[in-house]
Amino acid sequence: MGLCSVLLLVVMIVGEVQVSRAIICSPTELSPCVAAFISQQPPSGACCSKLREQRPCFCGYLRDPYLRQYVNTPNGRREASFCGVPSPRC
């Protein structure tokens, strides 16, 4: 009985970990990248993580005239390249 309970608990925990969360397409999600957008310093790990997470949102950002001026810049492309995030093909 004890082993079955432990196995059931492990299955429940693993199932919880694998649940994916919805991506929120909001430019504020990229706030960890502000310093690298503005300066020549390399992006932080948190920034790279957010860039990878927000990748499905990039085409929407590029269609917005206000956001395009920040996303489609040399620093923005440099950050994405540094983090291994390919340029979007919209």
Protein backbone atom coordinates (compact mmCIF):
# COMPACT_ATOMS: atom_id res chain seq x y z
CA MET A 1 0.00 0.00 0.00
CA GLY A 2 2.75 2.48 0.88
CA LEU A 3 4.56 1.95 -2.43
CA CYS A 4 1.36 2.52 -4.42
CA SER A 5 0.77 5.79 -2.58
CA VAL A 6 4.31 6.97 -3.30
CA LEU A 7 4.03 6.05 -6.99
CA LEU A 8 0.68 7.85 -7.25
CA LEU A 9 2.22 10.95 -5.63
CA VAL A 10 5.18 10.87 -8.07
CA VAL A 11 2.83 10.56 -11.06
CA MET A 12 0.77 13.50 -9.80
CA ILE A 13 3.87 15.67 -9.30
CA VAL A 14 5.31 14.83 -12.72
CA GLY A 15 1.93 15.54 -14.31
CA GLU A 16 1.85 18.96 -12.65
CA VAL A 17 5.35 19.84 -13.85
CA GLN A 18 4.51 18.99 -17.46
CA VAL A 19 1.48 21.27 -17.63
CA SER A 20 2.38 24.08 -20.01
CA ARG A 21 1.38 27.63 -19.28
CA ALA A 22 -0.07 30.00 -21.81
CA ILE A 23 2.22 32.61 -23.32
CA ILE A 24 1.18 36.17 -22.58
CA CYS A 25 2.15 38.38 -25.52
CA SER A 26 2.96 41.55 -23.68
CA PRO A 27 6.02 43.69 -24.29
CA THR A 28 6.27 44.21 -20.52
CA GLU A 29 7.31 40.53 -20.34
CA LEU A 30 10.58 41.66 -21.94
CA SER A 31 11.44 44.04 -19.09
CA PRO A 32 14.51 41.96 -18.09
CA CYS A 33 15.94 42.94 -21.51
CA VAL A 34 15.68 46.72 -21.16
CA ALA A 35 19.30 47.22 -20.05
CA ALA A 36 20.63 45.23 -23.01
CA PHE A 37 18.28 46.99 -25.47
CA ILE A 38 19.57 50.37 -24.34
CA SER A 39 23.27 49.61 -23.91
CA GLN A 40 25.89 47.40 -25.47
CA GLN A 41 26.00 44.99 -22.52
CA PRO A 42 25.15 41.34 -23.18
CA PRO A 43 21.65 40.18 -22.22
CA SER A 44 21.18 38.44 -18.90
CA GLY A 45 20.01 34.87 -18.51
CA ALA A 46 16.58 36.17 -17.48
CA CYS A 47 16.44 38.25 -20.66
CA CYS A 48 17.35 35.27 -22.86
CA SER A 49 14.71 33.17 -21.14
CA LYS A 50 12.06 35.83 -21.80
CA LEU A 51 13.15 36.23 -25.42
CA ARG A 52 12.74 32.49 -25.98
CA GLU A 53 9.37 32.54 -24.21
CA GLN A 54 8.11 35.54 -26.20
CA ARG A 55 9.34 34.30 -29.60
CA PRO A 56 5.81 33.39 -30.80
CA CYS A 57 4.82 37.02 -30.13
CA PHE A 58 7.53 38.72 -32.21
CA CYS A 59 5.52 39.00 -35.45
CA GLY A 60 2.76 40.77 -33.55
CA TYR A 61 5.29 43.13 -32.01
CA LEU A 62 6.77 43.86 -35.44
CA ARG A 63 3.33 44.72 -36.86
CA ASP A 64 2.85 47.34 -34.13
CA PRO A 65 4.49 50.60 -35.33
CA TYR A 66 5.31 51.67 -31.77
CA LEU A 67 6.92 48.37 -30.76
CA ARG A 68 8.68 47.78 -34.08
CA GLN A 69 11.05 50.67 -33.39
CA TYR A 70 12.33 48.82 -30.31
CA VAL A 71 12.23 45.21 -31.47
CA ASN A 72 13.61 45.72 -34.97
CA THR A 73 16.82 47.50 -33.97
CA PRO A 74 20.47 46.47 -34.13
CA ASN A 75 20.51 45.99 -30.34
CA GLY A 76 17.30 43.94 -30.45
CA ARG A 77 18.68 41.69 -33.17
CA ARG A 78 22.03 41.42 -31.33
CA GLU A 79 20.25 40.34 -28.15
CA ALA A 80 18.20 37.72 -29.92
CA SER A 81 21.29 36.40 -31.71
CA PHE A 82 23.28 36.30 -28.45
CA CYS A 83 20.47 34.27 -26.85
CA GLY A 84 20.16 31.91 -29.82
CA VAL A 85 16.69 33.17 -30.74
CA PRO A 86 16.26 33.26 -34.53
CA SER A 87 14.77 36.30 -36.24
CA PRO A 88 11.06 35.88 -36.90
CA ARG A 89 9.84 35.16 -40.41
CA CYS A 90 6.53 36.93 -40.58
